[in-house]
Amino acid sequence: MKTEVQKNIVETFKKLNETLASFSEEELNTVPYKDSWTAGQTAQAHHFGLFRLSRIIWGKNRKNNPKISRVCTAT
């Protein structure tokens, strides 16, 4: 079970990074309406959440899993 969750986290990081790379900086930083988050801010919040989850699963030291270390720093 833990291995499957770990694989899903790595794949989710990869997909998030690929999706974000397809947008321009302007698109990511456009405020869609007053008092709302930009797409970039929302993506960053999700990224931090996934990163925290990965630390729970692999421990505080990302070196425990080189795959997640590479994906976490690929932004």
C-alpha atoms as a PDB file:
ATOM      1  CA  MET A   1       0.000   0.000   0.000  1.00  0.00           C
ATOM      2  CA  LYS A   2       2.737   2.489   0.976  1.00  0.00           C
ATOM      3  CA  THR A   3       4.648   1.786  -2.237  1.00  0.00           C
ATOM      4  CA  GLU A   4       1.536   2.515  -4.312  1.00  0.00           C
ATOM      5  CA  VAL A   5       0.992   5.814  -2.501  1.00  0.00           C
ATOM      6  CA  GLN A   6       4.649   6.717  -3.037  1.00  0.00           C
ATOM      7  CA  LYS A   7       4.356   5.997  -6.774  1.00  0.00           C
ATOM      8  CA  ASN A   8       1.207   8.129  -6.950  1.00  0.00           C
ATOM      9  CA  ILE A   9       2.943  11.046  -5.251  1.00  0.00           C
ATOM     10  CA  VAL A  10       5.876  10.920  -7.669  1.00  0.00           C
ATOM     11  CA  GLU A  11       3.539  10.722 -10.664  1.00  0.00           C
ATOM     12  CA  THR A  12       1.407  13.579  -9.341  1.00  0.00           C
ATOM     13  CA  PHE A  13       4.484  15.798  -8.926  1.00  0.00           C
ATOM     14  CA  LYS A  14       5.557  14.968 -12.480  1.00  0.00           C
ATOM     15  CA  LYS A  15       2.122  15.735 -13.931  1.00  0.00           C
ATOM     16  CA  LEU A  16       1.845  18.971 -11.963  1.00  0.00           C
ATOM     17  CA  ASN A  17       5.253  20.140 -13.199  1.00  0.00           C
ATOM     18  CA  GLU A  18       4.437  19.175 -16.798  1.00  0.00           C
ATOM     19  CA  THR A  19       1.105  20.987 -16.667  1.00  0.00           C
ATOM     20  CA  LEU A  20       2.587  24.126 -15.125  1.00  0.00           C
ATOM     21  CA  ALA A  21       5.340  24.186 -17.741  1.00  0.00           C
ATOM     22  CA  SER A  22       2.696  24.432 -20.466  1.00  0.00           C
ATOM     23  CA  PHE A  23       1.494  27.842 -19.222  1.00  0.00           C
ATOM     24  CA  SER A  24       3.200  31.186 -19.698  1.00  0.00           C
ATOM     25  CA  GLU A  25       4.311  33.216 -16.702  1.00  0.00           C
ATOM     26  CA  GLU A  26       1.613  35.752 -17.538  1.00  0.00           C
ATOM     27  CA  GLU A  27      -1.099  33.079 -17.522  1.00  0.00           C
ATOM     28  CA  LEU A  28       0.065  31.725 -14.174  1.00  0.00           C
ATOM     29  CA  ASN A  29       0.147  35.191 -12.588  1.00  0.00           C
ATOM     30  CA  THR A  30      -3.163  36.580 -13.870  1.00  0.00           C
ATOM     31  CA  VAL A  31      -5.692  37.312 -11.135  1.00  0.00           C
ATOM     32  CA  PRO A  32      -9.003  35.991 -12.524  1.00  0.00           C
ATOM     33  CA  TYR A  33     -11.200  38.146 -10.260  1.00  0.00           C
ATOM     34  CA  LYS A  34     -10.860  40.428  -7.239  1.00  0.00           C
ATOM     35  CA  ASP A  35      -9.461  38.824  -4.075  1.00  0.00           C
ATOM     36  CA  SER A  36      -8.767  35.497  -5.784  1.00  0.00           C
ATOM     37  CA  TRP A  37      -5.606  33.482  -6.097  1.00  0.00           C
ATOM     38  CA  THR A  38      -3.729  33.237  -9.350  1.00  0.00           C
ATOM     39  CA  ALA A  39      -3.273  29.838 -10.980  1.00  0.00           C
ATOM     40  CA  GLY A  40       0.376  29.989  -9.897  1.00  0.00           C
ATOM     41  CA  GLN A  41      -0.529  30.579  -6.254  1.00  0.00           C
ATOM     42  CA  THR A  42      -3.009  27.706  -6.322  1.00  0.00           C
ATOM     43  CA  ALA A  43      -0.454  25.404  -7.930  1.00  0.00           C
ATOM     44  CA  GLN A  44       2.150  26.420  -5.364  1.00  0.00           C
ATOM     45  CA  ALA A  45      -0.238  25.594  -2.511  1.00  0.00           C
ATOM     46  CA  HIS A  46      -0.863  22.149  -4.018  1.00  0.00           C
ATOM     47  CA  HIS A  47       2.864  21.636  -4.561  1.00  0.00           C
ATOM     48  CA  PHE A  48       3.607  22.440  -0.906  1.00  0.00           C
ATOM     49  CA  GLY A  49       0.841  20.093   0.213  1.00  0.00           C
ATOM     50  CA  LEU A  50       2.204  17.228  -1.844  1.00  0.00           C
ATOM     51  CA  PHE A  51       5.703  17.991  -0.598  1.00  0.00           C
ATOM     52  CA  ARG A  52       4.521  17.808   3.008  1.00  0.00           C
ATOM     53  CA  LEU A  53       2.779  14.526   2.292  1.00  0.00           C
ATOM     54  CA  SER A  54       5.962  13.134   0.779  1.00  0.00           C
ATOM     55  CA  ARG A  55       7.869  14.092   3.933  1.00  0.00           C
ATOM     56  CA  ILE A  56       5.358  12.174   6.024  1.00  0.00           C
ATOM     57  CA  ILE A  57       5.789   9.075   3.874  1.00  0.00           C
ATOM     58  CA  TRP A  58       9.557   9.188   3.223  1.00  0.00           C
ATOM     59  CA  GLY A  59      10.691  11.105   6.260  1.00  0.00           C
ATOM     60  CA  LYS A  60      12.130  14.576   6.556  1.00  0.00           C
ATOM     61  CA  ASN A  61      15.183  13.737   4.497  1.00  0.00           C
ATOM     62  CA  ARG A  62      14.237  13.712   0.795  1.00  0.00           C
ATOM     63  CA  LYS A  63      17.473  11.874   0.113  1.00  0.00           C
ATOM     64  CA  ASN A  64      15.583   8.788   1.278  1.00  0.00           C
ATOM     65  CA  ASN A  65      13.996   8.794  -2.159  1.00  0.00           C
ATOM     66  CA  PRO A  66      15.991  10.303  -5.028  1.00  0.00           C
ATOM     67  CA  LYS A  67      12.963  10.282  -7.376  1.00  0.00           C
ATOM     68  CA  ILE A  68      10.909  12.587  -5.174  1.00  0.00           C
ATOM     69  CA  SER A  69      13.944  14.770  -4.517  1.00  0.00           C
ATOM     70  CA  ARG A  70      14.408  15.366  -8.263  1.00  0.00           C
ATOM     71  CA  VAL A  71      10.724  16.046  -8.877  1.00  0.00           C
ATOM     72  CA  CYS A  72      10.346  18.373  -5.868  1.00  0.00           C
ATOM     73  CA  THR A  73      13.174  20.568  -7.050  1.00  0.00           C
ATOM     74  CA  ALA A  74      12.230  20.545 -10.756  1.00  0.00           C
ATOM     75  CA  THR A  75      10.234  23.777 -10.560  1.00  0.00           C
END
